[in-house]
């Protein structure tokens, strides 16, 4: 009766239910840092608490269990072993009461056969106390089973024990038989005090885990603030730099990696500011050079133009006073002088756009009359088909609209061929004017560049009559109205230039009527002459 065997298992632990967590997308670095810190702290705290609870639980239960089983085993040897082989019920009852009075305070049930062969019971708690029904069937079976005695098994009966839970109260149940014949004894010990101690320990560990989680969240918040403040300042400075505030700098403090990043940003911002300032100075010098050159050329061009007009009159006279040998040279001078004069005027117009001094002189015009006047002034009536209803009015700058139309129609006649069709329609309070020719169209590699300054589609004709500024000037005049010009090839044949302008252009300080869009640039007088050059 010296060997012990564990029968059954501890039923105090149950399997945890598995839950499916939805995947969360965290876009805030601060939130991610806090969550990661919290998960690490929670994992560490739960692991430590679980290990501590398990070790303490096993220590408490094992210590109590060993003491109770040792006391019960000793009582069975001393008191139950002293009973006759066939005791009476009173003897069993008396002995069970004596055994239950030990230091461990457990209930005892003794089972034996009396002299008549009947089974008699003796319980420490009387008839209403510990009974055989309170002993698990598996434990009774193991206790009553006789083991075969050999070299390893020295006794036919052993002490068996099992932990059970009844009405949420844990109990330790044990049983054995007296060797050599005698009663069978069962013991029932309540483990409620130990369970309360373990529950208190679990609460303490849970509170410690919660405090650790809160502390880790506060620590993560502090760490995130320390790390993210410089990052936020860097992001703000980068946005200011992107908005054109090139004098933006970061305050540098410390020697860590974030301080090195701030120094690198400041150096990059300083280099960018210097580079932009140099580029702006060169660009300003270039614009000033073009403007000064254009103004300086106007005075000699005025004199040259007057002379060429006289020579042109001589060429057209019927007297024949011009020497036939020099007539071609005179015609070349007249043509090139006119071309040079147009180029200077175009350059002056371009400098106005670059300097931001171009202004609108707004008026309410009939679009059909405006297009007709543009065509008639340039003697294009036979080469242009106009599809425009009278009565379509728009508020815009008539001179700049004439410049746009002259460039688009002149470009179509020169490179596309007649007849050129000009159509007008209204779409969503916008004026749409299409200029379509019947030529070969524009090559696909040329289309993205037709509005570039000084661009010419034919590189073999760099000295063609056009200056390469006409379409660029037309586009700038459309932009100053709040409009746009696009170029494309017609599915049938030829190229199509589409001009879109708002029907109501407003200058700064003017308030549009309710429901009308606001477009256009500021007002003022611009005295530049019409540009008729193509791209």
Protein backbone atom coordinates (compact mmCIF):
# COMPACT_ATOMS: atom_id res chain seq x y z
CA UNK A 1 0.00 0.00 0.00
CA UNK A 2 3.01 2.25 -0.58
CA UNK A 3 2.55 2.91 -4.34
CA UNK A 4 0.18 5.60 -5.70
CA UNK A 5 -1.37 5.79 -9.16
CA UNK A 6 -3.22 8.79 -10.70
CA UNK A 7 -6.61 7.83 -12.05
CA UNK A 8 -8.38 10.21 -14.48
CA UNK A 9 -7.33 13.86 -15.13
CA UNK A 10 -7.78 17.35 -13.85
CA UNK A 11 -11.06 18.70 -15.09
CA UNK A 12 -10.38 22.28 -13.98
CA UNK A 13 -9.04 23.34 -17.41
CA UNK A 14 -11.15 23.53 -20.55
CA UNK A 15 -10.15 24.15 -24.15
CA UNK A 16 -10.30 27.79 -25.26
CA UNK A 17 -12.57 28.71 -28.12
CA UNK A 18 -10.88 29.86 -31.32
CA UNK A 19 -12.06 33.20 -32.75
CA UNK A 20 -11.44 34.74 -36.14
CA UNK A 21 -10.17 38.33 -35.93
CA UNK A 22 -10.89 40.67 -38.81
CA UNK A 23 -7.81 42.14 -40.43
CA UNK A 24 -7.39 45.83 -39.64
CA UNK A 25 -5.53 48.26 -41.84
CA UNK A 26 -3.67 50.80 -39.76
CA UNK A 27 -2.62 53.91 -41.64
CA UNK A 28 -1.22 55.80 -38.67
CA UNK A 29 2.36 55.09 -37.67
CA UNK A 30 1.58 56.21 -34.11
CA UNK A 31 -1.29 53.71 -33.89
CA UNK A 32 0.87 50.93 -35.30
CA UNK A 33 3.61 51.63 -32.75
CA UNK A 34 1.13 51.62 -29.86
CA UNK A 35 -0.48 48.39 -31.09
CA UNK A 36 2.87 46.66 -31.57
CA UNK A 37 4.11 47.75 -28.13
CA UNK A 38 0.81 46.64 -26.60
CA UNK A 39 0.89 43.24 -28.30
CA UNK A 40 4.46 42.61 -27.23
CA UNK A 41 3.72 43.66 -23.64
CA UNK A 42 0.47 41.67 -23.60
CA UNK A 43 2.19 38.56 -24.93
CA UNK A 44 5.02 38.85 -22.41
CA UNK A 45 2.69 39.59 -19.49
CA UNK A 46 0.23 36.81 -20.36
CA UNK A 47 3.07 34.32 -20.84
CA UNK A 48 4.71 35.25 -17.55
CA UNK A 49 1.38 35.29 -15.70
CA UNK A 50 0.35 31.95 -17.18
CA UNK A 51 3.62 30.29 -16.27
CA UNK A 52 3.54 31.77 -12.75
CA UNK A 53 -0.08 30.69 -12.25
CA UNK A 54 0.57 27.18 -13.49
CA UNK A 55 3.66 26.73 -11.30
CA UNK A 56 1.91 28.10 -8.22
CA UNK A 57 -1.19 26.06 -8.91
CA UNK A 58 0.75 22.83 -9.23
CA UNK A 59 2.78 23.66 -6.13
CA UNK A 60 -0.29 24.45 -4.00
CA UNK A 61 -2.35 21.50 -5.19
CA UNK A 62 0.54 19.06 -5.04
CA UNK A 63 1.52 20.13 -1.54
CA UNK A 64 -2.06 19.82 -0.24
CA UNK A 65 -2.66 16.59 -2.13
CA UNK A 66 0.52 14.94 -0.86
CA UNK A 67 -0.24 15.92 2.75
CA UNK A 68 -3.82 14.63 2.57
CA UNK A 69 -2.91 11.36 0.85
CA UNK A 70 -0.04 10.76 3.25
CA UNK A 71 -2.35 11.36 6.26
CA UNK A 72 -5.11 9.20 4.77
CA UNK A 73 -2.67 6.41 3.99
CA UNK A 74 -1.35 6.51 7.56
CA UNK A 75 -4.87 6.47 9.04
CA UNK A 76 -5.79 3.48 6.89
CA UNK A 77 -2.73 1.62 8.11
CA UNK A 78 -3.16 2.49 11.79
CA UNK A 79 -6.92 2.59 12.37
CA UNK A 80 -8.59 0.72 9.50
CA UNK A 81 -5.89 -1.95 9.65
CA UNK A 82 -6.71 -2.54 13.33
CA UNK A 83 -10.34 -3.48 12.53
CA UNK A 84 -11.37 -7.15 12.44
CA UNK A 85 -11.63 -8.75 9.02
CA UNK A 86 -15.46 -8.66 9.25
CA UNK A 87 -16.33 -5.58 11.30
CA UNK A 88 -19.74 -4.35 12.29
CA UNK A 89 -21.28 -1.14 11.06
CA UNK A 90 -20.76 0.53 14.44
CA UNK A 91 -17.08 -0.32 14.36
CA UNK A 92 -16.78 1.11 10.84
CA UNK A 93 -18.67 4.23 11.85
CA UNK A 94 -16.50 4.79 14.90
CA UNK A 95 -13.25 4.22 13.01
CA UNK A 96 -14.33 6.53 10.14
CA UNK A 97 -15.04 9.29 12.66
CA UNK A 98 -11.62 8.83 14.24
CA UNK A 99 -9.90 8.94 10.83
CA UNK A 100 -11.75 12.11 9.84
CA UNK A 101 -10.50 13.87 12.94
CA UNK A 102 -6.94 14.07 11.63
CA UNK A 103 -5.17 17.36 10.93
CA UNK A 104 -6.23 17.42 7.25
CA UNK A 105 -9.98 17.45 7.99
CA UNK A 106 -11.23 15.13 5.27
CA UNK A 107 -14.36 12.93 5.10
CA UNK A 108 -13.95 9.16 5.32
CA UNK A 109 -16.08 6.30 4.05
CA UNK A 110 -15.28 2.69 5.05
CA UNK A 111 -16.82 -0.27 3.24
CA UNK A 112 -16.59 -3.91 4.48
CA UNK A 113 -18.54 -7.15 4.84
CA UNK A 114 -19.89 -8.15 8.26
CA UNK A 115 -20.15 -11.60 9.73
CA UNK A 116 -23.42 -12.24 7.83
CA UNK A 117 -21.77 -11.44 4.51
CA UNK A 118 -23.67 -8.19 4.07
CA UNK A 119 -21.92 -5.01 2.95
CA UNK A 120 -21.83 -2.42 5.71
CA UNK A 121 -20.75 1.24 5.51
CA UNK A 122 -19.23 3.61 7.98
CA UNK A 123 -19.13 7.33 7.17
CA UNK A 124 -17.54 10.10 9.20
CA UNK A 125 -20.54 12.31 8.56
CA UNK A 126 -23.23 9.83 9.41
CA UNK A 127 -25.88 8.62 6.99
CA UNK A 128 -26.15 12.04 5.32
CA UNK A 129 -22.39 12.48 4.94
CA UNK A 130 -19.87 11.08 2.48
CA UNK A 131 -21.35 8.14 0.57
CA UNK A 132 -20.30 5.74 -2.14
CA UNK A 133 -22.27 7.76 -4.72
CA UNK A 134 -19.72 10.56 -4.31
CA UNK A 135 -16.89 8.31 -5.48
CA UNK A 136 -16.36 8.12 -9.27
CA UNK A 137 -17.04 4.71 -10.75
CA UNK A 138 -13.63 4.59 -12.40
CA UNK A 139 -11.94 5.17 -9.04
CA UNK A 140 -13.99 2.42 -7.34
CA UNK A 141 -13.12 0.02 -10.12
CA UNK A 142 -9.42 0.77 -9.80
CA UNK A 143 -9.48 0.42 -6.02
CA UNK A 144 -11.27 -2.95 -6.08
CA UNK A 145 -9.05 -4.37 -8.81
CA UNK A 146 -6.46 -6.83 -7.53
CA UNK A 147 -3.02 -6.41 -9.05
CA UNK A 148 -0.79 -9.37 -9.83
CA UNK A 149 2.15 -9.42 -7.45
CA UNK A 150 5.54 -9.82 -9.15
CA UNK A 151 9.00 -8.28 -9.01
CA UNK A 152 7.75 -4.77 -9.81
CA UNK A 153 4.32 -4.89 -8.11
CA UNK A 154 4.72 -5.79 -4.45
CA UNK A 155 1.13 -5.30 -3.24
CA UNK A 156 -2.18 -6.40 -4.79
CA UNK A 157 -3.91 -3.14 -3.87
CA UNK A 158 -2.74 0.48 -4.22
CA UNK A 159 -3.84 3.95 -3.29
CA UNK A 160 -5.68 5.76 -6.12
CA UNK A 161 -6.77 9.40 -6.25
CA UNK A 162 -8.66 11.73 -8.52
CA UNK A 163 -9.63 15.43 -8.62
CA UNK A 164 -13.29 16.15 -9.30
CA UNK A 165 -15.47 19.27 -9.44
CA UNK A 166 -18.93 19.31 -7.86
CA UNK A 167 -21.02 22.46 -8.04
CA UNK A 168 -17.96 24.53 -8.98
CA UNK A 169 -16.09 23.25 -5.88
CA UNK A 170 -12.97 21.12 -6.47
CA UNK A 171 -12.48 17.95 -4.41
CA UNK A 172 -9.77 15.36 -3.98
CA UNK A 173 -11.11 11.76 -3.83
CA UNK A 174 -8.88 8.84 -2.91
CA UNK A 175 -9.38 5.17 -2.11
CA UNK A 176 -7.52 2.01 -1.13
CA UNK A 177 -7.95 -1.37 0.57
CA UNK A 178 -6.28 -2.79 3.62
CA UNK A 179 -3.72 -5.37 2.62
CA UNK A 180 -4.37 -8.85 3.90
CA UNK A 181 -8.11 -8.41 4.09
CA UNK A 182 -10.12 -5.70 5.68
CA UNK A 183 -12.31 -2.71 4.85
CA UNK A 184 -12.00 -0.50 1.78
CA UNK A 185 -11.54 3.18 2.59
CA UNK A 186 -12.43 6.27 0.60
CA UNK A 187 -11.48 9.86 1.39
CA UNK A 188 -13.07 13.15 0.22
CA UNK A 189 -11.14 16.40 0.72
CA UNK A 190 -12.48 19.82 -0.30
CA UNK A 191 -9.93 21.96 -2.20
CA UNK A 192 -12.04 25.10 -1.98
CA UNK A 193 -9.51 27.07 0.16
CA UNK A 194 -6.77 26.28 -2.30
CA UNK A 195 -9.07 27.23 -5.21
CA UNK A 196 -9.80 30.59 -3.55
CA UNK A 197 -6.10 31.21 -3.10
CA UNK A 198 -5.49 30.35 -6.74
CA UNK A 199 -8.36 32.63 -7.83
CA UNK A 200 -6.84 35.48 -5.84
CA UNK A 201 -3.51 34.78 -7.51
CA UNK A 202 -5.19 34.77 -10.94
CA UNK A 203 -6.84 38.13 -10.23
CA UNK A 204 -3.54 39.56 -9.07
CA UNK A 205 -1.78 38.33 -12.20
CA UNK A 206 -4.61 39.68 -14.37
CA UNK A 207 -4.37 43.11 -12.75
CA UNK A 208 -0.61 43.04 -13.20
CA UNK A 209 -1.10 42.14 -16.88
CA UNK A 210 -3.54 45.02 -17.35
CA UNK A 211 -1.16 47.45 -15.67
CA UNK A 212 1.67 46.18 -17.86
CA UNK A 213 -0.50 46.69 -20.95
CA UNK A 214 -1.42 50.25 -19.92
CA UNK A 215 2.22 51.00 -19.10
CA UNK A 216 3.35 49.67 -22.47
CA UNK A 217 0.72 51.79 -24.25
CA UNK A 218 1.92 54.90 -22.41
CA UNK A 219 5.53 54.00 -23.16
CA UNK A 220 4.65 53.44 -26.83
CA UNK A 221 2.85 56.79 -26.92
CA UNK A 222 5.89 58.53 -25.46
CA UNK A 223 8.24 56.74 -27.85
CA UNK A 224 5.98 57.48 -30.82
CA UNK A 225 5.82 61.14 -29.86
CA UNK A 226 9.59 61.30 -29.59
CA UNK A 227 10.04 59.66 -32.98
CA UNK A 228 7.11 61.12 -34.87
CA UNK A 229 7.42 64.79 -33.91
CA UNK A 230 10.57 65.25 -36.01
CA UNK A 231 8.96 63.22 -38.80
CA UNK A 232 5.85 65.42 -38.69
CA UNK A 233 7.99 68.55 -38.76
CA UNK A 234 9.87 67.10 -41.71
CA UNK A 235 6.59 66.38 -43.54
CA UNK A 236 5.33 69.91 -42.89
CA UNK A 237 8.61 71.38 -44.11
CA UNK A 238 8.50 69.20 -47.24
CA UNK A 239 4.95 70.39 -48.01
CA UNK A 240 6.01 74.03 -47.56
CA UNK A 241 8.96 73.39 -49.84
CA UNK A 242 6.61 71.88 -52.43
CA UNK A 243 4.43 75.00 -52.20
CA UNK A 244 7.39 77.11 -53.26
CA UNK A 245 8.52 78.37 -49.86
CA UNK A 246 12.16 77.58 -50.51
CA UNK A 247 13.41 79.36 -47.37
CA UNK A 248 11.91 76.60 -45.19
CA UNK A 249 14.40 75.08 -42.76
CA UNK A 250 14.24 72.60 -39.88
CA UNK A 251 15.57 73.24 -36.38
CA UNK A 252 18.27 70.66 -35.70
CA UNK A 253 18.95 69.35 -32.20
CA UNK A 254 20.76 66.22 -31.09
CA UNK A 255 23.09 63.80 -32.82
CA UNK A 256 20.80 60.90 -33.66
CA UNK A 257 19.59 59.69 -37.05
CA UNK A 258 16.61 62.09 -37.07
CA UNK A 259 18.96 65.01 -36.50
CA UNK A 260 21.09 63.81 -39.43
CA UNK A 261 17.92 63.60 -41.53
CA UNK A 262 17.02 67.20 -40.60
CA UNK A 263 20.51 68.39 -41.53
CA UNK A 264 20.29 66.59 -44.86
CA UNK A 265 16.91 68.20 -45.53
CA UNK A 266 18.26 71.66 -44.74
CA UNK A 267 21.21 71.15 -47.07
CA UNK A 268 18.93 69.91 -49.85
CA UNK A 269 16.53 72.85 -49.34
CA UNK A 270 19.42 75.30 -49.39
CA UNK A 271 20.83 73.81 -52.60
CA UNK A 272 17.36 73.81 -54.18
CA UNK A 273 16.76 77.43 -53.22
CA UNK A 274 20.09 78.45 -54.75
CA UNK A 275 19.43 76.45 -57.91
CA UNK A 276 15.94 77.90 -58.34
CA UNK A 277 17.23 81.40 -57.70
CA UNK A 278 19.94 80.93 -60.35
CA UNK A 279 17.43 79.55 -62.83
CA UNK A 280 14.99 82.39 -62.13
CA UNK A 281 17.76 84.95 -62.60
CA UNK A 282 18.82 83.39 -65.91
CA UNK A 283 15.20 83.15 -67.06
CA UNK A 284 14.57 86.76 -66.12
CA UNK A 285 17.74 87.81 -67.94
CA UNK A 286 16.65 85.87 -71.03
CA UNK A 287 13.19 87.46 -71.01
CA UNK A 288 14.71 90.89 -70.47
CA UNK A 289 17.11 90.30 -73.33
CA UNK A 290 14.31 89.30 -75.72
CA UNK A 291 12.18 92.27 -74.62
CA UNK A 292 15.05 94.75 -74.94
CA UNK A 293 16.10 93.31 -78.27
CA UNK A 294 12.56 93.54 -79.60
CA UNK A 295 12.23 97.17 -78.48
CA UNK A 296 15.64 98.08 -79.87
CA UNK A 297 14.78 96.53 -83.23
CA UNK A 298 11.53 98.45 -83.60
CA UNK A 299 13.22 101.83 -84.30
CA UNK A 300 15.45 100.66 -87.19
CA UNK A 301 12.64 98.42 -88.43
CA UNK A 302 10.33 101.41 -88.65
CA UNK A 303 12.81 103.20 -90.93
CA UNK A 304 13.48 100.07 -92.97
CA UNK A 305 9.76 99.45 -93.34
CA UNK A 306 9.21 102.97 -94.67
CA UNK A 307 11.97 102.46 -97.26
CA UNK A 308 10.62 99.07 -98.32
CA UNK A 309 7.15 100.57 -98.74
CA UNK A 310 8.63 103.12 -101.17
CA UNK A 311 10.46 100.37 -103.05
CA UNK A 312 7.28 98.31 -103.16
CA UNK A 313 5.42 101.25 -104.66
CA UNK A 314 8.12 101.54 -107.30
CA UNK A 315 7.70 97.86 -108.12
CA UNK A 316 3.96 98.26 -108.55
CA UNK A 317 4.28 101.43 -110.69
CA UNK A 318 3.59 101.07 -114.40
CA UNK A 319 6.42 103.32 -115.51
CA UNK A 320 8.97 100.50 -115.37
CA UNK A 321 11.63 102.72 -113.81
CA UNK A 322 12.97 99.77 -111.73
CA UNK A 323 15.99 98.05 -113.21
CA UNK A 324 14.98 94.47 -114.07
CA UNK A 325 18.29 93.23 -112.70
CA UNK A 326 17.60 94.47 -109.17
CA UNK A 327 13.86 93.84 -109.10
CA UNK A 328 14.20 90.33 -107.54
CA UNK A 329 16.48 91.68 -104.83
CA UNK A 330 14.02 94.46 -104.01
CA UNK A 331 11.15 91.97 -103.74
CA UNK A 332 13.26 89.79 -101.41
CA UNK A 333 14.08 92.78 -99.21
CA UNK A 334 10.40 93.78 -99.01
CA UNK A 335 9.33 90.20 -98.10
CA UNK A 336 12.04 89.67 -95.48
CA UNK A 337 11.45 93.08 -93.93
CA UNK A 338 7.77 92.28 -93.53
CA UNK A 339 8.68 88.90 -92.02
CA UNK A 340 11.17 90.49 -89.65
CA UNK A 341 8.62 93.04 -88.54
CA UNK A 342 6.07 90.30 -87.78
CA UNK A 343 8.70 88.32 -85.88
CA UNK A 344 9.54 91.31 -83.68
CA UNK A 345 5.88 91.90 -82.94
CA UNK A 346 5.44 88.24 -82.04
CA UNK A 347 8.44 88.32 -79.73
CA UNK A 348 7.05 91.37 -77.96
CA UNK A 349 3.74 89.56 -77.53
CA UNK A 350 5.52 86.52 -76.08
CA UNK A 351 7.44 88.67 -73.59
CA UNK A 352 4.14 90.15 -72.38
CA UNK A 353 2.84 86.67 -71.60
CA UNK A 354 6.07 85.63 -69.88
CA UNK A 355 6.17 88.79 -67.78
CA UNK A 356 2.48 88.47 -66.84
CA UNK A 357 1.61 91.89 -68.25
CA UNK A 358 -0.83 90.68 -70.90
CA UNK A 359 -4.30 92.09 -70.21
CA UNK A 360 -7.82 91.55 -71.50
CA UNK A 361 -10.05 94.26 -72.95
CA UNK A 362 -13.42 92.59 -72.67
CA UNK A 363 -16.48 93.26 -74.82
CA UNK A 364 -19.67 91.50 -75.83
CA UNK A 365 -19.26 90.34 -79.45
CA UNK A 366 -21.20 88.31 -82.00
CA UNK A 367 -18.96 85.38 -82.82
CA UNK A 368 -20.16 85.00 -86.43
CA UNK A 369 -19.50 88.68 -87.14
CA UNK A 370 -16.07 88.45 -85.47
CA UNK A 371 -15.01 85.46 -87.59
CA UNK A 372 -16.35 87.06 -90.76
CA UNK A 373 -14.40 90.24 -90.05
CA UNK A 374 -11.20 88.23 -89.46
CA UNK A 375 -11.60 86.32 -92.74
CA UNK A 376 -12.55 89.42 -94.74
CA UNK A 377 -9.62 91.48 -93.42
CA UNK A 378 -7.20 88.88 -94.77
CA UNK A 379 -9.00 88.18 -98.05
CA UNK A 380 -9.76 84.55 -97.19
CA UNK A 381 -13.43 84.61 -98.14
CA UNK A 382 -12.96 82.29 -101.14
CA UNK A 383 -10.89 79.75 -99.19
CA UNK A 384 -12.89 79.49 -95.95
CA UNK A 385 -16.32 77.96 -95.28
CA UNK A 386 -18.05 79.39 -92.24
CA UNK A 387 -20.69 77.41 -90.34
CA UNK A 388 -21.83 79.79 -87.60
CA UNK A 389 -25.26 81.04 -86.69
CA UNK A 390 -25.62 84.71 -85.96
CA UNK A 391 -26.75 85.62 -82.49
CA UNK A 392 -24.16 83.56 -80.60
CA UNK A 393 -22.63 86.13 -78.27
CA UNK A 394 -19.68 85.87 -75.91
CA UNK A 395 -17.92 88.26 -73.56
CA UNK A 396 -14.22 88.23 -74.45
CA UNK A 397 -11.36 90.27 -75.88
CA UNK A 398 -12.13 90.84 -79.61
CA UNK A 399 -8.51 91.62 -80.56
CA UNK A 400 -7.17 88.48 -78.92
CA UNK A 401 -9.92 86.35 -80.47
CA UNK A 402 -8.90 87.82 -83.87
CA UNK A 403 -5.27 86.81 -83.16
CA UNK A 404 -6.36 83.26 -82.31
CA UNK A 405 -8.56 82.91 -85.40
CA UNK A 406 -5.95 84.43 -87.71
CA UNK A 407 -3.31 81.98 -86.54
CA UNK A 408 -5.55 78.92 -86.68
CA UNK A 409 -7.10 79.69 -90.07
CA UNK A 410 -3.82 80.93 -91.57
CA UNK A 411 -2.03 77.78 -90.37
CA UNK A 412 -4.78 75.59 -91.89
CA UNK A 413 -4.59 77.39 -95.26
CA UNK A 414 -0.81 77.26 -95.37
CA UNK A 415 -0.22 73.66 -94.31
CA UNK A 416 -3.55 71.93 -94.86
CA UNK A 417 -4.97 73.54 -97.97
CA UNK A 418 -8.39 74.88 -98.77
CA UNK A 419 -11.24 74.68 -98.33
CA UNK A 420 -10.90 75.35 -94.61
CA UNK A 421 -14.08 74.85 -92.63
CA UNK A 422 -14.78 76.95 -89.50
CA UNK A 423 -17.72 75.80 -87.37
CA UNK A 424 -19.14 77.30 -84.18
CA UNK A 425 -21.30 75.67 -81.52
CA UNK A 426 -22.16 76.10 -77.83
CA UNK A 427 -21.59 73.31 -75.29
CA UNK A 428 -22.41 73.72 -71.58
CA UNK A 429 -22.01 77.50 -71.60
CA UNK A 430 -18.72 77.17 -73.48
CA UNK A 431 -17.94 78.44 -76.95
CA UNK A 432 -16.43 75.81 -79.27
CA UNK A 433 -14.81 76.86 -82.56
CA UNK A 434 -13.38 74.16 -84.83
CA UNK A 435 -10.99 74.89 -87.70
CA UNK A 436 -10.62 71.92 -90.07
CA UNK A 437 -8.55 71.71 -93.23
CA UNK A 438 -8.44 69.09 -95.99
CA UNK A 439 -4.72 68.46 -96.04
CA UNK A 440 -2.69 65.37 -95.16
CA UNK A 441 -3.05 65.95 -91.43
CA UNK A 442 -0.40 66.29 -88.73
CA UNK A 443 2.13 63.47 -88.16
CA UNK A 444 1.62 61.69 -84.86
CA UNK A 445 5.11 62.55 -83.64
CA UNK A 446 4.46 66.25 -84.35
CA UNK A 447 1.07 66.54 -82.60
CA UNK A 448 2.48 66.92 -79.04
CA UNK A 449 4.71 69.81 -80.20
CA UNK A 450 2.53 71.93 -82.49
CA UNK A 451 2.05 74.58 -79.76
CA UNK A 452 5.74 74.71 -78.76
CA UNK A 453 7.55 77.97 -79.44
CA UNK A 454 9.70 78.08 -82.59
CA UNK A 455 8.69 74.53 -83.44
CA UNK A 456 8.46 73.69 -87.16
CA UNK A 457 7.29 70.35 -88.45
CA UNK A 458 9.77 70.35 -91.35
CA UNK A 459 13.36 70.54 -90.20
CA UNK A 460 14.48 70.89 -93.83
CA UNK A 461 12.77 74.32 -94.06
CA UNK A 462 14.15 76.27 -91.08
CA UNK A 463 13.78 79.53 -92.97
CA UNK A 464 10.17 79.04 -93.98
CA UNK A 465 7.88 82.06 -93.83
CA UNK A 466 6.42 81.07 -90.46
CA UNK A 467 8.23 81.99 -87.25
CA UNK A 468 7.01 79.07 -85.19
CA UNK A 469 5.31 81.41 -82.68
CA UNK A 470 1.80 81.75 -84.11
CA UNK A 471 0.14 78.71 -82.53
CA UNK A 472 2.00 79.31 -79.24
CA UNK A 473 0.62 82.88 -79.13
CA UNK A 474 -2.86 81.60 -80.01
CA UNK A 475 -2.70 79.11 -77.11
CA UNK A 476 -1.55 81.80 -74.66
CA UNK A 477 -4.45 84.04 -75.75
CA UNK A 478 -6.85 81.15 -75.17
CA UNK A 479 -5.37 80.52 -71.69
CA UNK A 480 -5.71 84.16 -70.68
CA UNK A 481 -9.46 83.79 -71.39
CA UNK A 482 -9.60 80.60 -69.33
CA UNK A 483 -9.89 78.47 -72.46
CA UNK A 484 -7.90 75.83 -74.32
CA UNK A 485 -6.85 74.80 -77.84
CA UNK A 486 -6.36 71.18 -78.88
CA UNK A 487 -5.02 69.70 -82.11
CA UNK A 488 -6.02 66.38 -83.65
CA UNK A 489 -6.41 64.61 -86.96
CA UNK A 490 -9.85 64.21 -88.48
CA UNK A 491 -11.02 60.62 -89.21
CA UNK A 492 -11.85 61.77 -92.75
CA UNK A 493 -8.85 63.88 -93.70
CA UNK A 494 -6.93 66.90 -92.54
CA UNK A 495 -6.18 68.40 -89.14
CA UNK A 496 -8.71 69.82 -86.67
CA UNK A 497 -7.90 72.60 -84.19
CA UNK A 498 -10.57 73.02 -81.49
CA UNK A 499 -10.82 76.27 -79.54
CA UNK A 500 -12.85 76.22 -76.31
CA UNK A 501 -13.60 79.50 -74.57
CA UNK A 502 -16.03 80.39 -71.76
CA UNK A 503 -18.91 82.50 -73.04
CA UNK A 504 -18.59 84.79 -70.03
CA UNK A 505 -15.10 85.94 -69.09
CA UNK A 506 -14.77 88.09 -65.98
CA UNK A 507 -12.00 90.39 -64.86
CA UNK A 508 -10.82 90.60 -61.24
CA UNK A 509 -13.20 92.66 -59.15
CA UNK A 510 -16.19 91.69 -61.29
CA UNK A 511 -18.80 89.34 -59.85
CA UNK A 512 -20.34 86.75 -62.20
CA UNK A 513 -24.08 86.35 -62.21
CA UNK A 514 -25.47 83.45 -60.19
CA UNK A 515 -24.96 80.16 -62.00
CA UNK A 516 -22.29 81.53 -64.34
CA UNK A 517 -18.71 80.23 -64.12
CA UNK A 518 -15.85 82.58 -63.42
CA UNK A 519 -13.03 82.66 -65.97
CA UNK A 520 -10.44 84.87 -67.47
CA UNK A 521 -7.62 87.13 -66.41
CA UNK A 522 -7.40 90.71 -65.23
CA UNK A 523 -8.25 93.65 -67.40
CA UNK A 524 -6.16 96.38 -68.93
CA UNK A 525 -5.13 97.72 -72.28
CA UNK A 526 -2.69 95.78 -74.47
CA UNK A 527 -1.51 97.54 -77.64
CA UNK A 528 0.28 94.64 -79.29
CA UNK A 529 -0.62 94.10 -82.93
CA UNK A 530 -2.30 91.01 -84.43
CA UNK A 531 -0.13 87.97 -85.00
CA UNK A 532 -0.78 86.00 -88.16
CA UNK A 533 2.11 83.58 -88.11
CA UNK A 534 1.58 79.84 -88.08
CA UNK A 535 3.34 77.08 -86.23
